[in-house]
């Protein structure tokens, strides 16, 4: 079993990597979905829930949930191998949990400028995306407060996503090929 993770600021291109990994047979676990599900249960804002969960249960909480999801899924496989991609790593605490549980764990980070990411988020229009630049900046500050900058700086692979989509996808293919060792 190979487990790898993706890190990057909102709108950087993590979803493109996840879709390509899924198309290559990897099961994708989205850390943001864990938080969105919890926010919905609490009838609270996604960003606030991300902060609150970590305050209530520790910096490792979302990573531990993802580890449990992967281990449970893998335990139910019969004569089958499966690889996993965890989307949305935010802190070195999360990386530590994944490395403890999956010794060959690698991190792929994607970088895009704030201007590029803001433009993408305005088009994407997901519930936690803002079309207001000040709200966008607040979200960036919150993400950086989790330690995402350290994750990006220490990742195994870094892909810059500022150009055309085809170029980004070519870089993703190269990194997935190296990471999956096939």
Foldseek 3Di string as FASTA:
>chain_A
DFEEEEFEAAQQCLVVLVVVVVVVQAAEAELLVVLVVVCVVVVHASLVSLVVCCVVPNLQVSLVVVLVVVVVVVVPDDPDDHYYYYYHDQAVSSVVSCCVSHVLYFYEYEYEDLVNSLVSLVVVPDPNGDVDVVSSVVSVVSSVVSPSVVCQVPGPHYHYPYDDPVVSVVVSVVVVCVSVVD
